[in-house]
Amino acid sequence: MVENQLDELQKYYNGIVLSGKNIHLTKVKKEIAEYFEGNRKVFSMPLDIVGTDFRKKVWKVRLRKWLA
């Protein structure tokens, strides 16, 4: 399943997805850790939803319910 998701991301962004560290993942990990420690309620990293139109609709509904 992960391979399919990586293929979709590579096609969507017209690039290659490589494993490893980068400044964006480091920041996301830090913000998620702060959230679960109870020290963060808002994330600064933008969310880019990738997928079919149906998947995007489902994610938007889920986000609305989660943020409510």
N, C-alpha and C. Protein backbone atom coordinates (compact mmCIF):
# COMPACT_ATOMS: atom_id res chain seq x y z
N MET A 1 0.82 -1.20 0.00
CA MET A 1 0.00 0.00 0.00
C MET A 1 0.87 1.26 0.00
N VAL A 2 1.96 1.24 0.77
CA VAL A 2 2.83 2.42 0.84
C VAL A 2 3.45 2.70 -0.53
N GLU A 3 3.82 1.63 -1.25
CA GLU A 3 4.40 1.82 -2.58
C GLU A 3 3.44 2.54 -3.51
N ASN A 4 2.15 2.19 -3.43
CA ASN A 4 1.14 2.85 -4.26
C ASN A 4 1.02 4.33 -3.91
N GLN A 5 1.06 4.64 -2.62
CA GLN A 5 0.96 6.03 -2.19
C GLN A 5 2.19 6.83 -2.65
N LEU A 6 3.37 6.23 -2.56
CA LEU A 6 4.58 6.90 -3.03
C LEU A 6 4.52 7.13 -4.53
N ASP A 7 4.02 6.15 -5.27
CA ASP A 7 3.85 6.32 -6.72
C ASP A 7 2.92 7.49 -7.02
N GLU A 8 1.80 7.58 -6.28
CA GLU A 8 0.86 8.68 -6.50
C GLU A 8 1.53 10.03 -6.23
N LEU A 9 2.30 10.12 -5.13
CA LEU A 9 2.98 11.37 -4.81
C LEU A 9 3.99 11.76 -5.88
N GLN A 10 4.72 10.79 -6.37
CA GLN A 10 5.72 11.07 -7.40
C GLN A 10 5.06 11.57 -8.68
N LYS A 11 3.92 10.98 -9.03
CA LYS A 11 3.21 11.43 -10.22
C LYS A 11 2.62 12.83 -10.00
N TYR A 12 2.03 13.06 -8.84
CA TYR A 12 1.40 14.33 -8.54
C TYR A 12 2.41 15.48 -8.57
N TYR A 13 3.57 15.24 -7.95
CA TYR A 13 4.59 16.29 -7.86
C TYR A 13 5.61 16.23 -8.99
N ASN A 14 5.47 15.24 -9.87
CA ASN A 14 6.38 15.07 -10.99
C ASN A 14 7.83 15.05 -10.51
N GLY A 15 8.08 14.20 -9.53
CA GLY A 15 9.43 14.10 -8.96
C GLY A 15 9.63 12.76 -8.29
N ILE A 16 10.77 12.62 -7.66
CA ILE A 16 11.12 11.38 -6.98
C ILE A 16 11.02 11.58 -5.48
N VAL A 17 10.40 10.62 -4.80
CA VAL A 17 10.30 10.65 -3.34
C VAL A 17 11.42 9.79 -2.78
N LEU A 18 12.27 10.40 -1.99
CA LEU A 18 13.39 9.69 -1.38
C LEU A 18 13.22 9.64 0.13
N SER A 19 13.65 8.55 0.73
CA SER A 19 13.59 8.48 2.18
C SER A 19 14.76 9.28 2.76
N GLY A 20 14.59 9.73 3.97
CA GLY A 20 15.65 10.49 4.62
C GLY A 20 15.09 11.66 5.39
N LYS A 21 15.98 12.49 5.87
CA LYS A 21 15.59 13.65 6.66
C LYS A 21 15.64 14.91 5.82
N ASN A 22 14.78 15.86 6.18
CA ASN A 22 14.84 17.19 5.60
C ASN A 22 14.23 18.17 6.60
N ILE A 23 14.39 19.45 6.34
CA ILE A 23 13.93 20.45 7.31
C ILE A 23 12.43 20.41 7.54
N HIS A 24 11.68 20.05 6.50
CA HIS A 24 10.23 20.02 6.62
C HIS A 24 9.77 18.88 7.53
N LEU A 25 10.33 17.69 7.32
CA LEU A 25 9.95 16.55 8.17
C LEU A 25 10.39 16.78 9.61
N THR A 26 11.55 17.38 9.79
CA THR A 26 12.03 17.67 11.14
C THR A 26 11.06 18.60 11.86
N LYS A 27 10.58 19.64 11.14
CA LYS A 27 9.65 20.59 11.74
C LYS A 27 8.31 19.93 12.06
N VAL A 28 7.82 19.08 11.16
CA VAL A 28 6.55 18.39 11.39
C VAL A 28 6.67 17.47 12.61
N LYS A 29 7.75 16.71 12.70
CA LYS A 29 7.95 15.83 13.86
C LYS A 29 7.95 16.62 15.16
N LYS A 30 8.61 17.77 15.15
CA LYS A 30 8.69 18.62 16.33
C LYS A 30 7.29 19.12 16.72
N GLU A 31 6.53 19.59 15.74
CA GLU A 31 5.20 20.12 16.02
C GLU A 31 4.25 19.01 16.52
N ILE A 32 4.35 17.82 15.94
CA ILE A 32 3.50 16.72 16.39
C ILE A 32 3.86 16.33 17.82
N ALA A 33 5.15 16.27 18.12
CA ALA A 33 5.58 15.95 19.49
C ALA A 33 5.04 17.00 20.46
N GLU A 34 5.14 18.27 20.10
CA GLU A 34 4.63 19.34 20.96
C GLU A 34 3.12 19.21 21.16
N TYR A 35 2.41 18.81 20.10
CA TYR A 35 0.96 18.62 20.21
C TYR A 35 0.64 17.54 21.23
N PHE A 36 1.30 16.39 21.12
CA PHE A 36 1.01 15.29 22.04
C PHE A 36 1.51 15.54 23.45
N GLU A 37 2.44 16.47 23.61
CA GLU A 37 2.87 16.89 24.95
C GLU A 37 1.90 17.89 25.56
N GLY A 38 0.96 18.38 24.75
CA GLY A 38 -0.01 19.35 25.22
C GLY A 38 0.46 20.79 25.10
N ASN A 39 1.55 21.01 24.35
CA ASN A 39 2.13 22.34 24.23
C ASN A 39 1.81 23.03 22.90
N ARG A 40 1.02 22.41 22.05
CA ARG A 40 0.71 23.01 20.74
C ARG A 40 -0.73 22.68 20.38
N LYS A 41 -1.44 23.68 19.87
CA LYS A 41 -2.81 23.47 19.40
C LYS A 41 -2.95 23.80 17.92
N VAL A 42 -2.02 24.58 17.37
CA VAL A 42 -2.07 24.99 15.97
C VAL A 42 -0.75 24.60 15.30
N PHE A 43 -0.85 24.07 14.10
CA PHE A 43 0.33 23.67 13.34
C PHE A 43 0.67 24.75 12.32
N SER A 44 1.96 24.96 12.10
CA SER A 44 2.38 25.99 11.16
C SER A 44 2.63 25.44 9.75
N MET A 45 2.80 24.14 9.64
CA MET A 45 3.07 23.55 8.33
C MET A 45 1.77 23.44 7.54
N PRO A 46 1.77 23.88 6.28
CA PRO A 46 0.54 23.78 5.48
C PRO A 46 0.26 22.32 5.12
N LEU A 47 -1.00 22.01 4.93
CA LEU A 47 -1.42 20.66 4.57
C LEU A 47 -1.79 20.65 3.10
N ASP A 48 -1.12 19.78 2.34
CA ASP A 48 -1.39 19.63 0.91
C ASP A 48 -2.01 18.26 0.70
N ILE A 49 -3.31 18.23 0.49
CA ILE A 49 -4.02 16.96 0.35
C ILE A 49 -3.87 16.47 -1.09
N VAL A 50 -3.30 15.27 -1.22
CA VAL A 50 -3.06 14.67 -2.53
C VAL A 50 -3.96 13.46 -2.68
N GLY A 51 -4.61 13.33 -3.82
CA GLY A 51 -5.44 12.16 -4.07
C GLY A 51 -6.52 12.46 -5.09
N THR A 52 -7.38 11.49 -5.25
CA THR A 52 -8.49 11.65 -6.18
C THR A 52 -9.45 12.71 -5.62
N ASP A 53 -10.36 13.16 -6.45
CA ASP A 53 -11.36 14.13 -5.99
C ASP A 53 -12.15 13.57 -4.81
N PHE A 54 -12.50 12.27 -4.89
CA PHE A 54 -13.24 11.63 -3.80
C PHE A 54 -12.44 11.66 -2.50
N ARG A 55 -11.16 11.28 -2.56
CA ARG A 55 -10.31 11.28 -1.36
C ARG A 55 -10.21 12.68 -0.77
N LYS A 56 -10.06 13.68 -1.63
CA LYS A 56 -9.95 15.06 -1.14
C LYS A 56 -11.24 15.49 -0.43
N LYS A 57 -12.39 15.11 -0.98
CA LYS A 57 -13.66 15.44 -0.33
C LYS A 57 -13.76 14.79 1.03
N VAL A 58 -13.37 13.51 1.12
CA VAL A 58 -13.43 12.79 2.38
C VAL A 58 -12.51 13.45 3.41
N TRP A 59 -11.30 13.78 3.01
CA TRP A 59 -10.36 14.43 3.94
C TRP A 59 -10.89 15.77 4.43
N LYS A 60 -11.50 16.55 3.54
CA LYS A 60 -12.04 17.85 3.94
C LYS A 60 -13.15 17.69 4.96
N VAL A 61 -14.03 16.70 4.77
CA VAL A 61 -15.10 16.45 5.73
C VAL A 61 -14.51 16.01 7.06
N ARG A 62 -13.53 15.11 7.02
CA ARG A 62 -12.90 14.63 8.26
C ARG A 62 -12.21 15.78 8.99
N LEU A 63 -11.51 16.65 8.25
CA LEU A 63 -10.84 17.79 8.87
C LEU A 63 -11.83 18.73 9.53
N ARG A 64 -12.95 18.99 8.86
CA ARG A 64 -13.96 19.87 9.43
C ARG A 64 -14.48 19.31 10.75
N LYS A 65 -14.75 18.01 10.78
CA LYS A 65 -15.25 17.37 12.00
C LYS A 65 -14.19 17.39 13.09
N TRP A 66 -12.94 17.18 12.71
CA TRP A 66 -11.85 17.14 13.67
C TRP A 66 -11.58 18.52 14.27
N LEU A 67 -11.68 19.55 13.42
CA LEU A 67 -11.39 20.91 13.87
C LEU A 67 -12.56 21.54 14.63
N ALA A 68 -13.75 20.95 14.52
CA ALA A 68 -14.94 21.52 15.16
C ALA A 68 -14.90 21.36 16.68
